[in-house]
C-alpha atoms as a PDB file:
ATOM      1  CA  UNK A   1      -9.595  -7.667   6.280  1.00  0.00           C
ATOM      2  CA  UNK A   2      -7.004  -7.920   8.889  1.00  0.00           C
ATOM      3  CA  UNK A   3      -3.429  -6.787   8.658  1.00  0.00           C
ATOM      4  CA  UNK A   4      -1.927 -10.231   8.119  1.00  0.00           C
ATOM      5  CA  UNK A   5      -4.713 -10.995   5.483  1.00  0.00           C
ATOM      6  CA  UNK A   6      -3.685  -7.864   3.585  1.00  0.00           C
ATOM      7  CA  UNK A   7      -0.010  -8.636   3.674  1.00  0.00           C
ATOM      8  CA  UNK A   8      -0.640 -12.169   2.453  1.00  0.00           C
ATOM      9  CA  UNK A   9      -1.822 -10.534  -0.804  1.00  0.00           C
ATOM     10  CA  UNK A  10       0.566  -9.794  -3.554  1.00  0.00           C
ATOM     11  CA  UNK A  11      -0.835  -6.359  -4.216  1.00  0.00           C
ATOM     12  CA  UNK A  12      -3.134  -4.189  -2.289  1.00  0.00           C
ATOM     13  CA  UNK A  13      -5.245  -0.948  -3.260  1.00  0.00           C
ATOM     14  CA  UNK A  14      -4.651   2.476  -1.977  1.00  0.00           C
ATOM     15  CA  UNK A  15      -7.833   1.815   0.362  1.00  0.00           C
ATOM     16  CA  UNK A  16      -6.215  -1.248   1.749  1.00  0.00           C
ATOM     17  CA  UNK A  17      -2.921   0.530   2.185  1.00  0.00           C
ATOM     18  CA  UNK A  18      -4.764   3.333   4.071  1.00  0.00           C
ATOM     19  CA  UNK A  19      -6.544   0.621   6.257  1.00  0.00           C
ATOM     20  CA  UNK A  20      -3.087  -1.335   6.738  1.00  0.00           C
ATOM     21  CA  UNK A  21      -1.427   1.815   8.269  1.00  0.00           C
ATOM     22  CA  UNK A  22      -4.454   3.681   9.524  1.00  0.00           C
ATOM     23  CA  UNK A  23      -3.666   6.819   7.519  1.00  0.00           C
ATOM     24  CA  UNK A  24      -5.706   9.366   5.555  1.00  0.00           C
ATOM     25  CA  UNK A  25      -6.300   9.549   1.639  1.00  0.00           C
ATOM     26  CA  UNK A  26      -4.197  12.640   1.760  1.00  0.00           C
ATOM     27  CA  UNK A  27      -1.283  10.939   3.508  1.00  0.00           C
ATOM     28  CA  UNK A  28      -1.392   7.911   1.325  1.00  0.00           C
ATOM     29  CA  UNK A  29      -1.416  10.083  -1.757  1.00  0.00           C
ATOM     30  CA  UNK A  30       1.605  12.067  -0.444  1.00  0.00           C
ATOM     31  CA  UNK A  31       3.605   8.850   0.253  1.00  0.00           C
ATOM     32  CA  UNK A  32       2.736   7.422  -3.136  1.00  0.00           C
ATOM     33  CA  UNK A  33       3.514  10.922  -4.955  1.00  0.00           C
ATOM     34  CA  UNK A  34       6.878  11.232  -3.141  1.00  0.00           C
ATOM     35  CA  UNK A  35       7.684   7.493  -4.240  1.00  0.00           C
ATOM     36  CA  UNK A  36       8.262   6.677  -0.622  1.00  0.00           C
ATOM     37  CA  UNK A  37       5.946   3.658  -1.244  1.00  0.00           C
ATOM     38  CA  UNK A  38       6.411   1.508  -4.476  1.00  0.00           C
ATOM     39  CA  UNK A  39       3.445   1.335  -6.664  1.00  0.00           C
ATOM     40  CA  UNK A  40       2.291   0.797 -10.231  1.00  0.00           C
ATOM     41  CA  UNK A  41      -0.749   1.751 -12.350  1.00  0.00           C
ATOM     42  CA  UNK A  42      -2.870  -1.107 -13.717  1.00  0.00           C
ATOM     43  CA  UNK A  43      -5.566  -0.091 -15.934  1.00  0.00           C
ATOM     44  CA  UNK A  44      -5.820   3.372 -14.370  1.00  0.00           C
ATOM     45  CA  UNK A  45      -6.040   1.779 -10.844  1.00  0.00           C
ATOM     46  CA  UNK A  46      -2.931   2.175  -8.432  1.00  0.00           C
ATOM     47  CA  UNK A  47      -1.739  -1.153  -6.944  1.00  0.00           C
ATOM     48  CA  UNK A  48       0.849  -1.312  -4.250  1.00  0.00           C
ATOM     49  CA  UNK A  49       3.076  -4.466  -3.956  1.00  0.00           C
ATOM     50  CA  UNK A  50       3.157  -5.806  -0.442  1.00  0.00           C
ATOM     51  CA  UNK A  51       6.647  -7.372  -0.445  1.00  0.00           C
ATOM     52  CA  UNK A  52       8.434  -3.885  -0.322  1.00  0.00           C
ATOM     53  CA  UNK A  53       6.235  -3.027   2.547  1.00  0.00           C
ATOM     54  CA  UNK A  54       6.912  -6.208   4.506  1.00  0.00           C
ATOM     55  CA  UNK A  55      10.716  -5.459   3.878  1.00  0.00           C
ATOM     56  CA  UNK A  56      10.604  -1.889   4.550  1.00  0.00           C
ATOM     57  CA  UNK A  57       8.590  -2.016   7.735  1.00  0.00           C
ATOM     58  CA  UNK A  58       9.465  -5.399   9.079  1.00  0.00           C
ATOM     59  CA  UNK A  59       5.981  -6.752   8.868  1.00  0.00           C
END
């Protein structure tokens, strides 16, 4: 999926977040653990809302 397609979604997975910013799983986990990136758990799965990402990074 392209960057614009990912950002059009309301929520993305950790894997999609990694793809969007070209980061490793360890970096993604560090950002989530430190609460630098807003996220929620839904049924044991971590979901990341794209709206705060668009606002924070001007995407």
